[in-house]
Amino acid sequence: MYITISPHKTGGNYAQSAGDFVAYLEKENEEKAIGDYEHFFNQYGEEITAAEVIKEIDGNTAKLKKTEPKFYSITINPSRRELQHLQDSKKDLKAYTRELMKEYAKAFNREIERRAVTVEDIKYYAKIEQVRTYKGTDKQIQENQPYATKILQLKNTQREIRQGVSIGDIKKIESKIARLEKEAPHQQNGKRIVQGMQKDGNQSHIHIIVSRKDITNRHSLSPGSKHKASELSMHGKMVKRGFNRDEFFKSSEKTFDSLFQYKRNYVETYPPRKLFLKNPKVYFSILSGLPVNEKAIAYKMLAASGVPLMNIPTHKVQLALKAIKAIKRGVGKAIQSSSIGI
């Protein structure tokens, strides 16, 4: 599970309206019949229109300055293994989102009217998307890039020949291009994977728009707070503040596992990810000590996600600095592409 929380920006500044973001989330509906549209939903409602989402989010920004986020974007990216475990991905992901937003509310160390924040205080709208496209950061694109560069050069040569600028055999060049297309290491449905190509398989993920203000438009609830759970004195009173991201990320996994009876592997969990960033040797030492079946699944998942597992013994882990750096890069890319995301 890979989850991100970020304030929505346009051109480096905080977006003053949810309009552009909502329009972006509506892009998949452009190629669908009206009856097949994927609508927004929230904790209690279904088939919420884009116009209603914009109206509700834009109208819930009382006393917020232009320099403050008006709303946040939460993206929930289940891994392929998690999606395969679901019985009905659309129905199940909606149920998961609603349970997840309860945990989101709990992560606030705030009080509203002398009580803890609950999901009823959160104004949010969510939408399931089914399509993903390959990006420049994906391993497939990066490893295909040398072939893409050569193909582009050959096509430029072809164009120059046709324009009479150069002399050459166009058919031979076409043959070279065809060979390079087939030799590229990453293919999908018999074609070289290129940036912008839609990914095969179940690519379901969820986008959530969360208002910075609570449902009453009176209280600010910022998941972007730099403060974890803490208290400070304000006007002679102790005031709670902060948002515990660590707790939210951990509870997001527990919620998924409990809801769908999912058995999470070591490499899929949030605490090991943090451990890896701090101490890769300990991370792999623990990994190598897992039960045989669980360890086999872990290595398989890491390898499938593009993490280089060079020279990692299963008894003792003594990684050279160069190998650790390579593995870190691999894990980072895998997380970004949601292959083994947290």
C-alpha atoms as a PDB file:
ATOM      1  CA  MET A   1       0.000   0.000   0.000  1.00  0.00           C
ATOM      2  CA  TYR A   2       1.411   3.347  -1.028  1.00  0.00           C
ATOM      3  CA  ILE A   3      -0.410   6.377   0.373  1.00  0.00           C
ATOM      4  CA  THR A   4       0.463  10.010  -0.201  1.00  0.00           C
ATOM      5  CA  ILE A   5      -0.935  13.130   1.448  1.00  0.00           C
ATOM      6  CA  SER A   6      -0.134  16.475  -0.106  1.00  0.00           C
ATOM      7  CA  PRO A   7      -1.577  19.981  -0.427  1.00  0.00           C
ATOM      8  CA  HIS A   8      -2.745  20.577  -3.968  1.00  0.00           C
ATOM      9  CA  LYS A   9      -0.732  23.140  -5.884  1.00  0.00           C
ATOM     10  CA  THR A  10      -0.986  24.822  -9.278  1.00  0.00           C
ATOM     11  CA  GLY A  11       2.156  26.327 -10.731  1.00  0.00           C
ATOM     12  CA  GLY A  12       3.917  26.228  -7.363  1.00  0.00           C
ATOM     13  CA  ASN A  13       1.102  28.005  -5.519  1.00  0.00           C
ATOM     14  CA  TYR A  14      -1.720  26.511  -3.484  1.00  0.00           C
ATOM     15  CA  ALA A  15      -4.777  25.958  -5.670  1.00  0.00           C
ATOM     16  CA  GLN A  16      -7.534  28.423  -4.847  1.00  0.00           C
ATOM     17  CA  SER A  17     -10.197  26.149  -6.332  1.00  0.00           C
ATOM     18  CA  ALA A  18     -10.688  22.408  -6.611  1.00  0.00           C
ATOM     19  CA  GLY A  19     -11.916  22.874 -10.184  1.00  0.00           C
ATOM     20  CA  ASP A  20      -8.731  21.873 -12.023  1.00  0.00           C
ATOM     21  CA  PHE A  21      -8.114  18.849  -9.816  1.00  0.00           C
ATOM     22  CA  VAL A  22     -11.705  17.644 -10.176  1.00  0.00           C
ATOM     23  CA  ALA A  23     -11.450  18.074 -13.959  1.00  0.00           C
ATOM     24  CA  TYR A  24      -8.274  15.964 -13.892  1.00  0.00           C
ATOM     25  CA  LEU A  25     -10.082  13.230 -11.958  1.00  0.00           C
ATOM     26  CA  GLU A  26     -12.927  13.298 -14.467  1.00  0.00           C
ATOM     27  CA  LYS A  27     -10.631  12.472 -17.399  1.00  0.00           C
ATOM     28  CA  GLU A  28     -11.433   8.738 -17.367  1.00  0.00           C
ATOM     29  CA  ASN A  29     -15.135   9.502 -17.818  1.00  0.00           C
ATOM     30  CA  GLU A  30     -14.488  11.260 -21.130  1.00  0.00           C
ATOM     31  CA  GLU A  31     -14.263   7.935 -22.978  1.00  0.00           C
ATOM     32  CA  LYS A  32     -17.171   6.277 -21.179  1.00  0.00           C
ATOM     33  CA  ALA A  33     -20.915   6.195 -21.789  1.00  0.00           C
ATOM     34  CA  ILE A  34     -22.860   8.245 -19.239  1.00  0.00           C
ATOM     35  CA  GLY A  35     -24.203   5.092 -17.618  1.00  0.00           C
ATOM     36  CA  ASP A  36     -20.658   3.855 -17.004  1.00  0.00           C
ATOM     37  CA  TYR A  37     -19.368   7.042 -15.359  1.00  0.00           C
ATOM     38  CA  GLU A  38     -17.309   6.679 -12.195  1.00  0.00           C
ATOM     39  CA  HIS A  39     -18.793   9.150  -9.707  1.00  0.00           C
ATOM     40  CA  PHE A  40     -17.404  10.705  -6.548  1.00  0.00           C
ATOM     41  CA  PHE A  41     -18.456   9.321  -3.180  1.00  0.00           C
ATOM     42  CA  ASN A  42     -17.915  10.179   0.483  1.00  0.00           C
ATOM     43  CA  GLN A  43     -18.608   8.617   3.862  1.00  0.00           C
ATOM     44  CA  TYR A  44     -22.333   8.363   3.321  1.00  0.00           C
ATOM     45  CA  GLY A  45     -23.093   9.382  -0.258  1.00  0.00           C
ATOM     46  CA  GLU A  46     -22.811   7.859  -3.724  1.00  0.00           C
ATOM     47  CA  GLU A  47     -22.946   9.279  -7.256  1.00  0.00           C
ATOM     48  CA  ILE A  48     -21.843  12.757  -6.220  1.00  0.00           C
ATOM     49  CA  THR A  49     -21.304  15.027  -9.215  1.00  0.00           C
ATOM     50  CA  ALA A  50     -18.113  16.904 -10.032  1.00  0.00           C
ATOM     51  CA  ALA A  51     -20.003  20.209  -9.795  1.00  0.00           C
ATOM     52  CA  GLU A  52     -21.113  19.399  -6.245  1.00  0.00           C
ATOM     53  CA  VAL A  53     -17.565  18.481  -5.212  1.00  0.00           C
ATOM     54  CA  ILE A  54     -16.188  21.790  -6.502  1.00  0.00           C
ATOM     55  CA  LYS A  55     -18.997  23.766  -4.856  1.00  0.00           C
ATOM     56  CA  GLU A  56     -18.566  22.054  -1.468  1.00  0.00           C
ATOM     57  CA  ILE A  57     -14.754  22.198  -1.351  1.00  0.00           C
ATOM     58  CA  ASP A  58     -14.486  25.770  -2.663  1.00  0.00           C
ATOM     59  CA  GLY A  59     -17.209  26.938  -0.286  1.00  0.00           C
ATOM     60  CA  ASN A  60     -15.461  25.493   2.759  1.00  0.00           C
ATOM     61  CA  THR A  61     -12.440  27.776   3.043  1.00  0.00           C
ATOM     62  CA  ALA A  62     -13.476  30.382   5.630  1.00  0.00           C
ATOM     63  CA  LYS A  63     -10.619  32.582   6.895  1.00  0.00           C
ATOM     64  CA  LEU A  64      -7.957  30.679   4.946  1.00  0.00           C
ATOM     65  CA  LYS A  65      -5.281  32.844   3.343  1.00  0.00           C
ATOM     66  CA  LYS A  66      -3.991  32.497  -0.217  1.00  0.00           C
ATOM     67  CA  THR A  67      -0.747  31.209   1.263  1.00  0.00           C
ATOM     68  CA  GLU A  68      -2.550  28.321   3.010  1.00  0.00           C
ATOM     69  CA  PRO A  69      -3.748  25.051   1.437  1.00  0.00           C
ATOM     70  CA  LYS A  70      -7.493  25.001   0.799  1.00  0.00           C
ATOM     71  CA  PHE A  71      -7.626  21.236   0.426  1.00  0.00           C
ATOM     72  CA  TYR A  72      -5.393  18.184   0.447  1.00  0.00           C
ATOM     73  CA  SER A  73      -5.027  15.291  -1.949  1.00  0.00           C
ATOM     74  CA  ILE A  74      -4.785  11.767  -0.566  1.00  0.00           C
ATOM     75  CA  THR A  75      -3.874   9.036  -3.039  1.00  0.00           C
ATOM     76  CA  ILE A  76      -4.318   5.383  -2.095  1.00  0.00           C
ATOM     77  CA  ASN A  77      -2.360   2.991  -4.293  1.00  0.00           C
ATOM     78  CA  PRO A  78      -2.912  -0.687  -3.427  1.00  0.00           C
ATOM     79  CA  SER A  79      -0.209  -3.050  -4.620  1.00  0.00           C
ATOM     80  CA  ARG A  80      -0.911  -5.655  -7.285  1.00  0.00           C
ATOM     81  CA  ARG A  81      -0.886  -8.348  -4.599  1.00  0.00           C
ATOM     82  CA  GLU A  82      -3.429  -6.451  -2.503  1.00  0.00           C
ATOM     83  CA  LEU A  83      -5.709  -5.889  -5.493  1.00  0.00           C
ATOM     84  CA  GLN A  84      -5.542  -9.565  -6.429  1.00  0.00           C
ATOM     85  CA  HIS A  85      -6.745 -10.429  -2.930  1.00  0.00           C
ATOM     86  CA  LEU A  86      -9.949  -8.390  -3.257  1.00  0.00           C
ATOM     87  CA  GLN A  87     -13.179 -10.054  -4.373  1.00  0.00           C
ATOM     88  CA  ASP A  88     -14.750  -6.946  -5.938  1.00  0.00           C
ATOM     89  CA  SER A  89     -12.136  -4.209  -6.238  1.00  0.00           C
ATOM     90  CA  LYS A  90     -14.595  -1.337  -6.788  1.00  0.00           C
ATOM     91  CA  LYS A  91     -16.940  -2.261  -3.940  1.00  0.00           C
ATOM     92  CA  ASP A  92     -14.100  -3.283  -1.628  1.00  0.00           C
ATOM     93  CA  LEU A  93     -12.032  -0.146  -2.259  1.00  0.00           C
ATOM     94  CA  LYS A  94     -15.017   2.056  -1.446  1.00  0.00           C
ATOM     95  CA  ALA A  95     -15.524   0.182   1.823  1.00  0.00           C
ATOM     96  CA  TYR A  96     -11.812   0.485   2.569  1.00  0.00           C
ATOM     97  CA  THR A  97     -11.800   4.229   1.851  1.00  0.00           C
ATOM     98  CA  ARG A  98     -14.600   4.817   4.321  1.00  0.00           C
ATOM     99  CA  GLU A  99     -12.816   2.843   7.028  1.00  0.00           C
ATOM    100  CA  LEU A 100      -9.527   4.552   6.179  1.00  0.00           C
ATOM    101  CA  MET A 101     -11.044   8.008   6.631  1.00  0.00           C
ATOM    102  CA  LYS A 102     -12.056   7.028  10.152  1.00  0.00           C
ATOM    103  CA  GLU A 103      -8.369   6.377  10.847  1.00  0.00           C
ATOM    104  CA  TYR A 104      -7.477   9.673   9.149  1.00  0.00           C
ATOM    105  CA  ALA A 105      -9.723  11.505  11.619  1.00  0.00           C
ATOM    106  CA  LYS A 106      -8.221   9.633  14.564  1.00  0.00           C
ATOM    107  CA  ALA A 107      -4.711  10.686  13.527  1.00  0.00           C
ATOM    108  CA  PHE A 108      -5.488  14.312  14.399  1.00  0.00           C
ATOM    109  CA  ASN A 109      -4.392  15.309  17.877  1.00  0.00           C
ATOM    110  CA  ARG A 110      -7.137  17.903  17.986  1.00  0.00           C
ATOM    111  CA  GLU A 111     -10.366  18.539  19.797  1.00  0.00           C
ATOM    112  CA  ILE A 112     -13.552  20.064  18.422  1.00  0.00           C
ATOM    113  CA  GLU A 113     -16.004  21.234  21.039  1.00  0.00           C
ATOM    114  CA  ARG A 114     -13.951  19.333  23.663  1.00  0.00           C
ATOM    115  CA  ARG A 115     -14.139  16.005  21.873  1.00  0.00           C
ATOM    116  CA  ALA A 116     -11.816  14.083  19.588  1.00  0.00           C
ATOM    117  CA  VAL A 117     -12.033  14.564  15.825  1.00  0.00           C
ATOM    118  CA  THR A 118     -14.187  11.932  14.075  1.00  0.00           C
ATOM    119  CA  VAL A 119     -14.899  11.144  10.456  1.00  0.00           C
ATOM    120  CA  GLU A 120     -18.158  13.110  10.759  1.00  0.00           C
ATOM    121  CA  ASP A 121     -15.994  16.234  11.036  1.00  0.00           C
ATOM    122  CA  ILE A 122     -14.146  15.553   7.792  1.00  0.00           C
ATOM    123  CA  LYS A 123     -15.385  16.971   4.489  1.00  0.00           C
ATOM    124  CA  TYR A 124     -14.032  14.764   1.745  1.00  0.00           C
ATOM    125  CA  TYR A 125     -14.857  13.335  -1.668  1.00  0.00           C
ATOM    126  CA  ALA A 126     -13.240  10.259  -3.173  1.00  0.00           C
ATOM    127  CA  LYS A 127     -13.084   8.657  -6.581  1.00  0.00           C
ATOM    128  CA  ILE A 128     -11.822   5.323  -7.872  1.00  0.00           C
ATOM    129  CA  GLU A 129      -9.691   5.333 -11.000  1.00  0.00           C
ATOM    130  CA  GLN A 130      -8.992   2.236 -13.091  1.00  0.00           C
ATOM    131  CA  VAL A 131      -6.241   3.455 -15.418  1.00  0.00           C
ATOM    132  CA  ARG A 132      -2.537   4.038 -14.865  1.00  0.00           C
ATOM    133  CA  THR A 133       0.044   5.064 -17.428  1.00  0.00           C
ATOM    134  CA  TYR A 134       3.793   4.544 -17.496  1.00  0.00           C
ATOM    135  CA  LYS A 135       5.797   7.521 -16.247  1.00  0.00           C
ATOM    136  CA  GLY A 136       9.387   8.547 -16.779  1.00  0.00           C
ATOM    137  CA  THR A 137      10.286   7.336 -13.285  1.00  0.00           C
ATOM    138  CA  ASP A 138       9.109   3.775 -13.966  1.00  0.00           C
ATOM    139  CA  LYS A 139      11.801   1.114 -14.297  1.00  0.00           C
ATOM    140  CA  GLN A 140      10.354  -0.063 -17.612  1.00  0.00           C
ATOM    141  CA  ILE A 141      10.673   3.389 -19.171  1.00  0.00           C
ATOM    142  CA  GLN A 142      14.178   3.990 -17.862  1.00  0.00           C
ATOM    143  CA  GLU A 143      15.500   0.610 -19.004  1.00  0.00           C
ATOM    144  CA  ASN A 144      13.863   1.010 -22.421  1.00  0.00           C
ATOM    145  CA  GLN A 145      15.276   4.514 -22.811  1.00  0.00           C
ATOM    146  CA  PRO A 146      18.537   3.557 -24.644  1.00  0.00           C
ATOM    147  CA  TYR A 147      16.434   1.797 -27.283  1.00  0.00           C
ATOM    148  CA  ALA A 148      14.026   4.733 -27.484  1.00  0.00           C
ATOM    149  CA  THR A 149      16.958   7.103 -28.054  1.00  0.00           C
ATOM    150  CA  LYS A 150      18.394   4.975 -30.884  1.00  0.00           C
ATOM    151  CA  ILE A 151      14.967   4.611 -32.505  1.00  0.00           C
ATOM    152  CA  LEU A 152      14.446   8.368 -32.400  1.00  0.00           C
ATOM    153  CA  GLN A 153      17.852   8.960 -33.985  1.00  0.00           C
ATOM    154  CA  LEU A 154      17.059   6.498 -36.777  1.00  0.00           C
ATOM    155  CA  LYS A 155      13.670   8.118 -37.404  1.00  0.00           C
ATOM    156  CA  ASN A 156      15.359  11.516 -37.634  1.00  0.00           C
ATOM    157  CA  THR A 157      17.771  10.054 -40.199  1.00  0.00           C
ATOM    158  CA  GLN A 158      14.810   8.675 -42.163  1.00  0.00           C
ATOM    159  CA  ARG A 159      13.207  12.097 -42.243  1.00  0.00           C
ATOM    160  CA  GLU A 160      16.433  13.735 -43.463  1.00  0.00           C
ATOM    161  CA  ILE A 161      16.716  11.169 -46.265  1.00  0.00           C
ATOM    162  CA  ARG A 162      13.136  11.813 -47.369  1.00  0.00           C
ATOM    163  CA  GLN A 163      13.806  15.565 -47.322  1.00  0.00           C
ATOM    164  CA  GLY A 164      16.928  15.085 -49.431  1.00  0.00           C
ATOM    165  CA  VAL A 165      19.232  16.383 -46.710  1.00  0.00           C
ATOM    166  CA  SER A 166      20.985  12.999 -46.285  1.00  0.00           C
ATOM    167  CA  ILE A 167      21.611   9.887 -48.339  1.00  0.00           C
ATOM    168  CA  GLY A 168      20.779   6.401 -47.081  1.00  0.00           C
ATOM    169  CA  ASP A 169      18.693   3.260 -47.386  1.00  0.00           C
ATOM    170  CA  ILE A 170      15.310   3.868 -45.769  1.00  0.00           C
ATOM    171  CA  LYS A 171      14.369   0.168 -45.821  1.00  0.00           C
ATOM    172  CA  LYS A 172      17.531  -0.804 -43.919  1.00  0.00           C
ATOM    173  CA  ILE A 173      16.780   1.864 -41.334  1.00  0.00           C
ATOM    174  CA  GLU A 174      13.213   0.582 -40.994  1.00  0.00           C
ATOM    175  CA  SER A 175      14.619  -2.899 -40.413  1.00  0.00           C
ATOM    176  CA  LYS A 176      16.930  -1.575 -37.661  1.00  0.00           C
ATOM    177  CA  ILE A 177      14.031   0.243 -36.015  1.00  0.00           C
ATOM    178  CA  ALA A 178      11.888  -2.925 -36.067  1.00  0.00           C
ATOM    179  CA  ARG A 179      14.738  -4.923 -34.510  1.00  0.00           C
ATOM    180  CA  LEU A 180      15.249  -2.348 -31.739  1.00  0.00           C
ATOM    181  CA  GLU A 181      11.504  -2.291 -31.015  1.00  0.00           C
ATOM    182  CA  LYS A 182      11.613  -6.053 -30.387  1.00  0.00           C
ATOM    183  CA  GLU A 183      14.915  -5.989 -28.466  1.00  0.00           C
ATOM    184  CA  ALA A 184      13.716  -3.447 -25.882  1.00  0.00           C
ATOM    185  CA  PRO A 185      13.636  -5.376 -22.565  1.00  0.00           C
ATOM    186  CA  HIS A 186      10.163  -4.299 -21.503  1.00  0.00           C
ATOM    187  CA  GLN A 187       7.221  -5.164 -23.724  1.00  0.00           C
ATOM    188  CA  GLN A 188       3.466  -5.130 -23.279  1.00  0.00           C
ATOM    189  CA  ASN A 189       1.157  -6.946 -25.674  1.00  0.00           C
ATOM    190  CA  GLY A 190       3.995  -7.261 -28.160  1.00  0.00           C
ATOM    191  CA  LYS A 191       4.887  -3.570 -28.113  1.00  0.00           C
ATOM    192  CA  ARG A 192       7.767  -1.665 -26.542  1.00  0.00           C
ATOM    193  CA  ILE A 193       6.598   0.056 -23.354  1.00  0.00           C
ATOM    194  CA  VAL A 194       6.708   3.819 -23.788  1.00  0.00           C
ATOM    195  CA  GLN A 195       5.849   6.758 -21.580  1.00  0.00           C
ATOM    196  CA  GLY A 196       2.096   7.423 -21.512  1.00  0.00           C
ATOM    197  CA  MET A 197       1.140   3.825 -22.390  1.00  0.00           C
ATOM    198  CA  GLN A 198      -1.645   2.401 -20.234  1.00  0.00           C
ATOM    199  CA  LYS A 199      -0.572  -0.338 -17.841  1.00  0.00           C
ATOM    200  CA  ASP A 200      -2.116  -3.779 -18.149  1.00  0.00           C
ATOM    201  CA  GLY A 201      -3.995  -5.518 -15.367  1.00  0.00           C
ATOM    202  CA  ASN A 202      -5.985  -4.192 -12.443  1.00  0.00           C
ATOM    203  CA  GLN A 203      -4.702  -0.672 -11.821  1.00  0.00           C
ATOM    204  CA  SER A 204      -7.437   0.479  -9.424  1.00  0.00           C
ATOM    205  CA  HIS A 205      -6.487   3.290  -7.070  1.00  0.00           C
ATOM    206  CA  ILE A 206      -8.273   6.020  -5.145  1.00  0.00           C
ATOM    207  CA  HIS A 207      -8.015   9.798  -5.145  1.00  0.00           C
ATOM    208  CA  ILE A 208      -9.465  11.721  -2.209  1.00  0.00           C
ATOM    209  CA  ILE A 209     -10.036  15.476  -1.962  1.00  0.00           C
ATOM    210  CA  VAL A 210     -10.104  16.569   1.689  1.00  0.00           C
ATOM    211  CA  SER A 211     -11.080  20.054   2.761  1.00  0.00           C
ATOM    212  CA  ARG A 212      -8.639  21.866   5.057  1.00  0.00           C
ATOM    213  CA  LYS A 213     -11.616  23.022   7.129  1.00  0.00           C
ATOM    214  CA  ASP A 214     -13.951  20.765   9.054  1.00  0.00           C
ATOM    215  CA  ILE A 215     -17.562  20.126   8.009  1.00  0.00           C
ATOM    216  CA  THR A 216     -18.742  23.258   9.845  1.00  0.00           C
ATOM    217  CA  ASN A 217     -16.180  25.469   8.091  1.00  0.00           C
ATOM    218  CA  ARG A 218     -14.963  26.712  11.492  1.00  0.00           C
ATOM    219  CA  HIS A 219     -12.020  24.499  12.433  1.00  0.00           C
ATOM    220  CA  SER A 220      -8.785  23.933  10.531  1.00  0.00           C
ATOM    221  CA  LEU A 221      -7.665  20.310  10.186  1.00  0.00           C
ATOM    222  CA  SER A 222      -4.303  20.134   8.476  1.00  0.00           C
ATOM    223  CA  PRO A 223      -2.662  16.742   7.814  1.00  0.00           C
ATOM    224  CA  GLY A 224       0.319  18.761   6.633  1.00  0.00           C
ATOM    225  CA  SER A 225       1.110  19.956  10.152  1.00  0.00           C
ATOM    226  CA  LYS A 226       4.802  19.771  10.980  1.00  0.00           C
ATOM    227  CA  HIS A 227       3.829  18.822  14.512  1.00  0.00           C
ATOM    228  CA  LYS A 228       3.075  15.289  15.664  1.00  0.00           C
ATOM    229  CA  ALA A 229       0.790  14.727  18.623  1.00  0.00           C
ATOM    230  CA  SER A 230       1.711  17.434  21.124  1.00  0.00           C
ATOM    231  CA  GLU A 231       0.319  20.248  23.239  1.00  0.00           C
ATOM    232  CA  LEU A 232       1.172  23.921  23.581  1.00  0.00           C
ATOM    233  CA  SER A 233       0.016  26.780  25.741  1.00  0.00           C
ATOM    234  CA  MET A 234      -2.134  29.332  23.922  1.00  0.00           C
ATOM    235  CA  HIS A 235      -3.800  32.227  25.757  1.00  0.00           C
ATOM    236  CA  GLY A 236      -3.213  30.453  29.036  1.00  0.00           C
ATOM    237  CA  LYS A 237      -4.797  27.185  27.863  1.00  0.00           C
ATOM    238  CA  MET A 238      -3.220  23.926  26.800  1.00  0.00           C
ATOM    239  CA  VAL A 239      -4.158  23.237  23.191  1.00  0.00           C
ATOM    240  CA  LYS A 240      -3.672  19.946  21.335  1.00  0.00           C
ATOM    241  CA  ARG A 241      -2.149  20.042  17.877  1.00  0.00           C
ATOM    242  CA  GLY A 242      -0.633  17.896  15.155  1.00  0.00           C
ATOM    243  CA  PHE A 243      -1.296  14.975  12.834  1.00  0.00           C
ATOM    244  CA  ASN A 244       0.403  11.629  13.393  1.00  0.00           C
ATOM    245  CA  ARG A 245       1.306  10.412   9.899  1.00  0.00           C
ATOM    246  CA  ASP A 246       3.164   7.363  11.169  1.00  0.00           C
ATOM    247  CA  GLU A 247       0.114   6.188  13.066  1.00  0.00           C
ATOM    248  CA  PHE A 248      -2.126   6.879  10.072  1.00  0.00           C
ATOM    249  CA  PHE A 249       0.077   4.875   7.701  1.00  0.00           C
ATOM    250  CA  LYS A 250       0.301   1.951  10.118  1.00  0.00           C
ATOM    251  CA  SER A 251      -3.434   1.931  10.802  1.00  0.00           C
ATOM    252  CA  SER A 252      -4.150   2.070   7.049  1.00  0.00           C
ATOM    253  CA  GLU A 253      -2.451  -1.319   6.694  1.00  0.00           C
ATOM    254  CA  LYS A 254      -4.136  -2.810   9.742  1.00  0.00           C
ATOM    255  CA  THR A 255      -7.512  -1.634   8.461  1.00  0.00           C
ATOM    256  CA  PHE A 256      -6.981  -3.257   5.061  1.00  0.00           C
ATOM    257  CA  ASP A 257      -5.724  -6.498   6.615  1.00  0.00           C
ATOM    258  CA  SER A 258      -8.606  -6.691   9.071  1.00  0.00           C
ATOM    259  CA  LEU A 259     -11.266  -5.781   6.520  1.00  0.00           C
ATOM    260  CA  PHE A 260     -10.165  -8.326   3.910  1.00  0.00           C
ATOM    261  CA  GLN A 261      -8.290 -10.939   6.008  1.00  0.00           C
ATOM    262  CA  TYR A 262      -5.097 -10.097   4.177  1.00  0.00           C
ATOM    263  CA  LYS A 263      -1.795 -11.572   5.333  1.00  0.00           C
ATOM    264  CA  ARG A 264       0.777  -8.831   4.843  1.00  0.00           C
ATOM    265  CA  ASN A 265       4.359  -9.747   4.042  1.00  0.00           C
ATOM    266  CA  TYR A 266       7.330  -8.144   5.807  1.00  0.00           C
ATOM    267  CA  VAL A 267       8.337  -6.055   2.776  1.00  0.00           C
ATOM    268  CA  GLU A 268       4.801  -4.642   2.469  1.00  0.00           C
ATOM    269  CA  THR A 269       4.673  -3.108   5.925  1.00  0.00           C
ATOM    270  CA  TYR A 270       5.336   0.466   6.952  1.00  0.00           C
ATOM    271  CA  PRO A 271       7.726  -0.040   9.934  1.00  0.00           C
ATOM    272  CA  PRO A 272      10.221  -2.101   7.871  1.00  0.00           C
ATOM    273  CA  ARG A 273      10.195   0.591   5.198  1.00  0.00           C
ATOM    274  CA  LYS A 274      11.260   3.135   7.786  1.00  0.00           C
ATOM    275  CA  LEU A 275      13.831   0.696   9.148  1.00  0.00           C
ATOM    276  CA  PHE A 276      15.251   0.181   5.664  1.00  0.00           C
ATOM    277  CA  LEU A 277      15.806   3.917   5.204  1.00  0.00           C
ATOM    278  CA  LYS A 278      17.610   4.132   8.545  1.00  0.00           C
ATOM    279  CA  ASN A 279      19.462   0.822   8.639  1.00  0.00           C
ATOM    280  CA  PRO A 280      19.429  -1.373   5.502  1.00  0.00           C
ATOM    281  CA  LYS A 281      21.686  -4.004   7.080  1.00  0.00           C
ATOM    282  CA  VAL A 282      19.264  -4.637   9.930  1.00  0.00           C
ATOM    283  CA  TYR A 283      16.363  -4.623   7.447  1.00  0.00           C
ATOM    284  CA  PHE A 284      17.888  -7.390   5.340  1.00  0.00           C
ATOM    285  CA  SER A 285      19.109  -9.245   8.393  1.00  0.00           C
ATOM    286  CA  ILE A 286      15.511  -9.475   9.632  1.00  0.00           C
ATOM    287  CA  LEU A 287      14.304 -10.359   6.136  1.00  0.00           C
ATOM    288  CA  SER A 288      16.796 -13.208   5.846  1.00  0.00           C
ATOM    289  CA  GLY A 289      15.603 -14.592   9.191  1.00  0.00           C
ATOM    290  CA  LEU A 290      11.961 -14.880   8.137  1.00  0.00           C
ATOM    291  CA  PRO A 291      10.320 -18.305   7.771  1.00  0.00           C
ATOM    292  CA  VAL A 292      11.220 -19.942   4.447  1.00  0.00           C
ATOM    293  CA  ASN A 293       7.860 -19.408   2.724  1.00  0.00           C
ATOM    294  CA  GLU A 294       7.475 -15.806   3.861  1.00  0.00           C
ATOM    295  CA  LYS A 295      11.070 -15.026   2.915  1.00  0.00           C
ATOM    296  CA  ALA A 296      10.586 -16.527  -0.544  1.00  0.00           C
ATOM    297  CA  ILE A 297       7.526 -14.334  -1.113  1.00  0.00           C
ATOM    298  CA  ALA A 298       9.420 -11.275   0.150  1.00  0.00           C
ATOM    299  CA  TYR A 299      12.356 -11.784  -2.228  1.00  0.00           C
ATOM    300  CA  LYS A 300       9.982 -12.499  -5.095  1.00  0.00           C
ATOM    301  CA  MET A 301       8.086  -9.269  -4.440  1.00  0.00           C
ATOM    302  CA  LEU A 302      11.278  -7.240  -4.211  1.00  0.00           C
ATOM    303  CA  ALA A 303      12.682  -8.750  -7.394  1.00  0.00           C
ATOM    304  CA  ALA A 304       9.417  -8.206  -9.296  1.00  0.00           C
ATOM    305  CA  SER A 305       9.390  -4.561  -8.238  1.00  0.00           C
ATOM    306  CA  GLY A 306      12.856  -3.954  -9.660  1.00  0.00           C
ATOM    307  CA  VAL A 307      14.895  -3.966  -6.467  1.00  0.00           C
ATOM    308  CA  PRO A 308      18.419  -5.237  -7.278  1.00  0.00           C
ATOM    309  CA  LEU A 309      19.110  -8.164  -4.948  1.00  0.00           C
ATOM    310  CA  MET A 310      22.726  -8.683  -5.873  1.00  0.00           C
ATOM    311  CA  ASN A 311      24.925 -10.753  -3.566  1.00  0.00           C
ATOM    312  CA  ILE A 312      22.541 -10.847  -0.594  1.00  0.00           C
ATOM    313  CA  PRO A 313      23.337 -13.994   1.427  1.00  0.00           C
ATOM    314  CA  THR A 314      20.457 -15.561   3.342  1.00  0.00           C
ATOM    315  CA  HIS A 315      22.394 -16.363   6.524  1.00  0.00           C
ATOM    316  CA  LYS A 316      24.279 -13.118   7.270  1.00  0.00           C
ATOM    317  CA  VAL A 317      23.748  -9.796   5.586  1.00  0.00           C
ATOM    318  CA  GLN A 318      26.962  -7.897   4.953  1.00  0.00           C
ATOM    319  CA  LEU A 319      26.118  -5.411   2.248  1.00  0.00           C
ATOM    320  CA  ALA A 320      28.742  -3.284   0.599  1.00  0.00           C
ATOM    321  CA  LEU A 321      27.950   0.445   0.614  1.00  0.00           C
ATOM    322  CA  LYS A 322      27.607   0.426  -3.171  1.00  0.00           C
ATOM    323  CA  ALA A 323      25.073  -2.400  -3.027  1.00  0.00           C
ATOM    324  CA  ILE A 324      23.085  -0.632  -0.300  1.00  0.00           C
ATOM    325  CA  LYS A 325      22.844   2.518  -2.416  1.00  0.00           C
ATOM    326  CA  ALA A 326      21.702   0.504  -5.427  1.00  0.00           C
ATOM    327  CA  ILE A 327      19.057  -1.271  -3.374  1.00  0.00           C
ATOM    328  CA  LYS A 328      17.866   2.019  -1.887  1.00  0.00           C
ATOM    329  CA  ARG A 329      17.382   3.426  -5.368  1.00  0.00           C
ATOM    330  CA  GLY A 330      15.493   0.303  -6.386  1.00  0.00           C
ATOM    331  CA  VAL A 331      13.230   0.392  -3.348  1.00  0.00           C
ATOM    332  CA  GLY A 332      12.547   4.086  -3.885  1.00  0.00           C
ATOM    333  CA  LYS A 333      11.496   3.535  -7.485  1.00  0.00           C
ATOM    334  CA  ALA A 334       9.396   0.514  -6.563  1.00  0.00           C
ATOM    335  CA  ILE A 335       7.567   2.477  -3.879  1.00  0.00           C
ATOM    336  CA  GLN A 336       6.928   5.394  -6.255  1.00  0.00           C
ATOM    337  CA  SER A 337       5.484   3.059  -8.879  1.00  0.00           C
ATOM    338  CA  SER A 338       3.317   1.400  -6.191  1.00  0.00           C
ATOM    339  CA  SER A 339       4.865  -2.004  -6.811  1.00  0.00           C
ATOM    340  CA  ILE A 340       5.702  -2.547  -3.155  1.00  0.00           C
ATOM    341  CA  GLY A 341       4.438   0.766  -1.858  1.00  0.00           C
ATOM    342  CA  ILE A 342       3.544   1.391   1.737  1.00  0.00           C
END
